[in-house]
Amino acid sequence: MTDMVTLIAKTTPLERELNITSRTVQPTDLPRLGELYFTAYDAGVAGDSLEVAIADMQASLEGKYGPFLPEASHVALDESGKIVAAVLVVERAVGDDTPEAPFIIELITDREHRRRGLAEDLVLATLDTLFNEGQKDVALRVEASNSAALALYLSLDFHRWSPESAED
């Protein structure tokens, strides 16, 4: 089993203009979201086939991992309008071991478009959307060994969360 870390951050309004062209997730994005999910990870992580990855994305949009928040879920587009990165957010994650806060269930960037600030800008867009909707926090889970993702989230003022710390 992979060691996962739960992180949480305060939502904030945008303090700078985003460097990406983005919009909220639309139901018609499903095939591309599945393709992005399947190709962004190492073989087998997003399932054994593109069809399985698309089905998992569909399940995500239908609430398998918590009630989906399309208005807080964003996609980054390249010059031709193709989705090259996405952030998917739910109202609350499924399970008792997560914060009572909106939850980022997926942050995916196309392998050819990494290290360009897309993920950071998508998270900032989500933080802004949730802030403007009156939400105070947002949380997520990340593999403890994913140093690039941890560095990104820590740079955006996420910090470790545990059920014990929530009771304090």
Protein backbone atom coordinates (compact mmCIF):
# COMPACT_ATOMS: atom_id res chain seq x y z
CA MET A 1 0.00 0.00 0.00
CA THR A 2 1.19 3.46 -0.85
CA ASP A 3 1.81 5.87 2.01
CA MET A 4 -0.60 8.77 1.54
CA VAL A 5 -0.49 12.19 3.20
CA THR A 6 -3.61 14.32 3.68
CA LEU A 7 -3.01 18.04 3.25
CA ILE A 8 -5.32 21.00 3.87
CA ALA A 9 -5.16 24.71 3.04
CA LYS A 10 -7.22 27.83 3.51
CA THR A 11 -9.02 28.99 0.40
CA THR A 12 -7.90 32.35 -0.93
CA PRO A 13 -8.87 34.84 -3.61
CA LEU A 14 -6.61 35.11 -6.64
CA GLU A 15 -3.73 37.47 -6.00
CA ARG A 16 -2.33 37.33 -9.52
CA GLU A 17 -3.56 36.70 -13.02
CA LEU A 18 -3.38 33.09 -14.09
CA ASN A 19 -0.88 32.19 -16.81
CA ILE A 20 -3.22 29.65 -18.38
CA THR A 21 -6.36 29.56 -20.43
CA SER A 22 -8.86 27.65 -18.34
CA ARG A 23 -12.52 26.92 -17.82
CA THR A 24 -14.66 24.72 -15.62
CA VAL A 25 -15.08 21.02 -16.37
CA GLN A 26 -17.94 20.17 -18.74
CA PRO A 27 -19.65 16.77 -19.19
CA THR A 28 -18.37 16.71 -22.80
CA ASP A 29 -14.79 16.70 -21.43
CA LEU A 30 -15.16 13.10 -20.25
CA PRO A 31 -13.30 11.36 -23.13
CA ARG A 32 -10.33 13.74 -22.91
CA LEU A 33 -10.27 13.59 -19.10
CA GLY A 34 -10.10 9.80 -19.32
CA GLU A 35 -7.32 9.97 -21.91
CA LEU A 36 -5.39 12.50 -19.83
CA TYR A 37 -5.84 10.35 -16.71
CA PHE A 38 -4.70 7.21 -18.52
CA THR A 39 -1.61 8.72 -20.16
CA ALA A 40 -0.43 11.01 -17.36
CA TYR A 41 0.41 8.18 -14.97
CA ASP A 42 2.63 5.15 -15.21
CA ALA A 43 1.07 2.05 -16.78
CA GLY A 44 -1.66 0.51 -14.66
CA VAL A 45 -2.14 3.39 -12.24
CA ALA A 46 -5.29 4.66 -13.97
CA GLY A 47 -6.44 1.20 -14.98
CA ASP A 48 -5.46 -1.37 -17.57
CA SER A 49 -7.05 0.41 -20.53
CA LEU A 50 -8.25 3.75 -21.79
CA GLU A 51 -11.83 2.52 -21.42
CA VAL A 52 -11.25 1.75 -17.72
CA ALA A 53 -9.73 5.22 -17.19
CA ILE A 54 -12.67 6.91 -18.91
CA ALA A 55 -15.09 4.86 -16.79
CA ASP A 56 -13.25 5.95 -13.64
CA MET A 57 -13.44 9.60 -14.72
CA GLN A 58 -17.15 9.15 -15.39
CA ALA A 59 -17.60 7.62 -11.94
CA SER A 60 -15.73 10.61 -10.48
CA LEU A 61 -18.08 13.06 -12.18
CA GLU A 62 -21.05 11.00 -10.99
CA GLY A 63 -19.99 11.17 -7.34
CA LYS A 64 -18.11 7.92 -6.66
CA TYR A 65 -15.49 9.83 -4.64
CA GLY A 66 -17.88 12.42 -3.21
CA PRO A 67 -20.41 14.89 -4.67
CA PHE A 68 -18.64 16.41 -7.69
CA LEU A 69 -18.17 20.20 -7.77
CA PRO A 70 -18.00 21.17 -11.46
CA GLU A 71 -17.74 24.89 -10.66
CA ALA A 72 -14.56 24.30 -8.61
CA SER A 73 -13.10 21.80 -11.09
CA HIS A 74 -11.05 23.37 -13.87
CA VAL A 75 -9.21 22.38 -17.02
CA ALA A 76 -6.21 24.09 -18.63
CA LEU A 77 -6.28 24.41 -22.40
CA ASP A 78 -3.45 24.63 -24.92
CA GLU A 79 -3.41 27.04 -27.88
CA SER A 80 -5.72 24.77 -29.89
CA GLY A 81 -8.22 24.39 -27.03
CA LYS A 82 -7.14 20.84 -26.08
CA ILE A 83 -7.29 19.96 -22.38
CA VAL A 84 -3.72 19.53 -21.10
CA ALA A 85 -4.35 19.56 -17.34
CA ALA A 86 -7.29 19.20 -14.97
CA VAL A 87 -8.24 19.50 -11.33
CA LEU A 88 -11.32 17.64 -10.06
CA VAL A 89 -12.97 18.62 -6.79
CA VAL A 90 -15.72 17.08 -4.65
CA GLU A 91 -17.78 18.61 -1.82
CA ARG A 92 -16.40 16.11 0.69
CA ALA A 93 -14.26 13.04 0.18
CA VAL A 94 -15.75 9.65 0.83
CA GLY A 95 -14.60 8.14 4.13
CA ASP A 96 -14.29 9.10 7.76
CA ASP A 97 -10.57 9.87 7.68
CA THR A 98 -10.77 13.10 5.66
CA PRO A 99 -11.47 16.70 6.62
CA GLU A 100 -14.96 18.17 6.43
CA ALA A 101 -13.95 20.34 3.48
CA PRO A 102 -14.03 20.33 -0.32
CA PHE A 103 -11.49 17.81 -1.57
CA ILE A 104 -9.26 17.74 -4.65
CA ILE A 105 -9.60 14.17 -5.88
CA GLU A 106 -7.38 14.54 -8.95
CA LEU A 107 -4.78 16.93 -10.34
CA ILE A 108 -3.50 15.71 -13.69
CA THR A 109 -1.07 17.27 -16.16
CA ASP A 110 -0.26 15.88 -19.60
CA ARG A 111 3.32 14.56 -19.62
CA GLU A 112 4.23 16.91 -22.50
CA HIS A 113 3.02 19.97 -20.56
CA ARG A 114 4.59 19.48 -17.13
CA ARG A 115 6.81 22.03 -15.39
CA ARG A 116 4.89 24.96 -16.92
CA GLY A 117 2.86 26.02 -13.89
CA LEU A 118 -0.40 24.49 -15.10
CA ALA A 119 -1.05 22.52 -11.91
CA GLU A 120 -0.28 25.53 -9.73
CA ASP A 121 -2.64 27.75 -11.69
CA LEU A 122 -5.41 25.15 -11.61
CA VAL A 123 -5.11 24.81 -7.83
CA LEU A 124 -5.13 28.62 -7.52
CA ALA A 125 -8.30 28.75 -9.64
CA THR A 126 -9.90 26.16 -7.36
CA LEU A 127 -8.84 28.03 -4.21
CA ASP A 128 -10.37 31.21 -5.64
CA THR A 129 -13.63 29.54 -6.69
CA LEU A 130 -14.08 27.89 -3.31
CA PHE A 131 -13.20 31.13 -1.48
CA ASN A 132 -15.82 33.02 -3.51
CA GLU A 133 -18.38 30.32 -2.65
CA GLY A 134 -17.72 30.82 1.06
CA GLN A 135 -15.69 27.67 1.63
CA LYS A 136 -12.89 28.10 4.17
CA ASP A 137 -10.67 25.09 3.42
CA VAL A 138 -9.75 22.60 0.73
CA ALA A 139 -7.96 19.28 1.22
CA LEU A 140 -6.32 16.54 -0.83
CA ARG A 141 -4.25 13.38 -0.59
CA VAL A 142 -0.86 12.83 -2.14
CA GLU A 143 1.65 10.02 -2.09
CA ALA A 144 4.30 10.75 0.53
CA SER A 145 6.98 9.84 -2.04
CA ASN A 146 5.71 12.33 -4.65
CA SER A 147 8.20 15.10 -3.88
CA ALA A 148 7.18 17.29 -6.85
CA ALA A 149 3.52 17.30 -5.80
CA LEU A 150 4.40 17.86 -2.14
CA ALA A 151 6.63 20.80 -3.09
CA LEU A 152 3.79 22.33 -5.13
CA TYR A 153 1.22 21.95 -2.36
CA LEU A 154 3.56 23.21 0.36
CA SER A 155 4.37 26.26 -1.78
CA LEU A 156 0.62 26.95 -1.87
CA ASP A 157 0.38 26.84 1.96
CA PHE A 158 -1.07 23.37 2.29
CA HIS A 159 -0.07 21.61 5.50
CA ARG A 160 -0.43 18.11 6.92
CA TRP A 161 -3.84 17.19 8.31
CA SER A 162 -4.73 14.25 10.53
CA PRO A 163 -7.97 13.31 12.29
CA GLU A 164 -6.21 13.86 15.61
CA SER A 165 -5.18 17.42 14.72
CA ALA A 166 -8.74 18.21 13.66
CA GLU A 167 -9.97 17.50 17.19
CA ASP A 168 -7.66 20.12 18.74
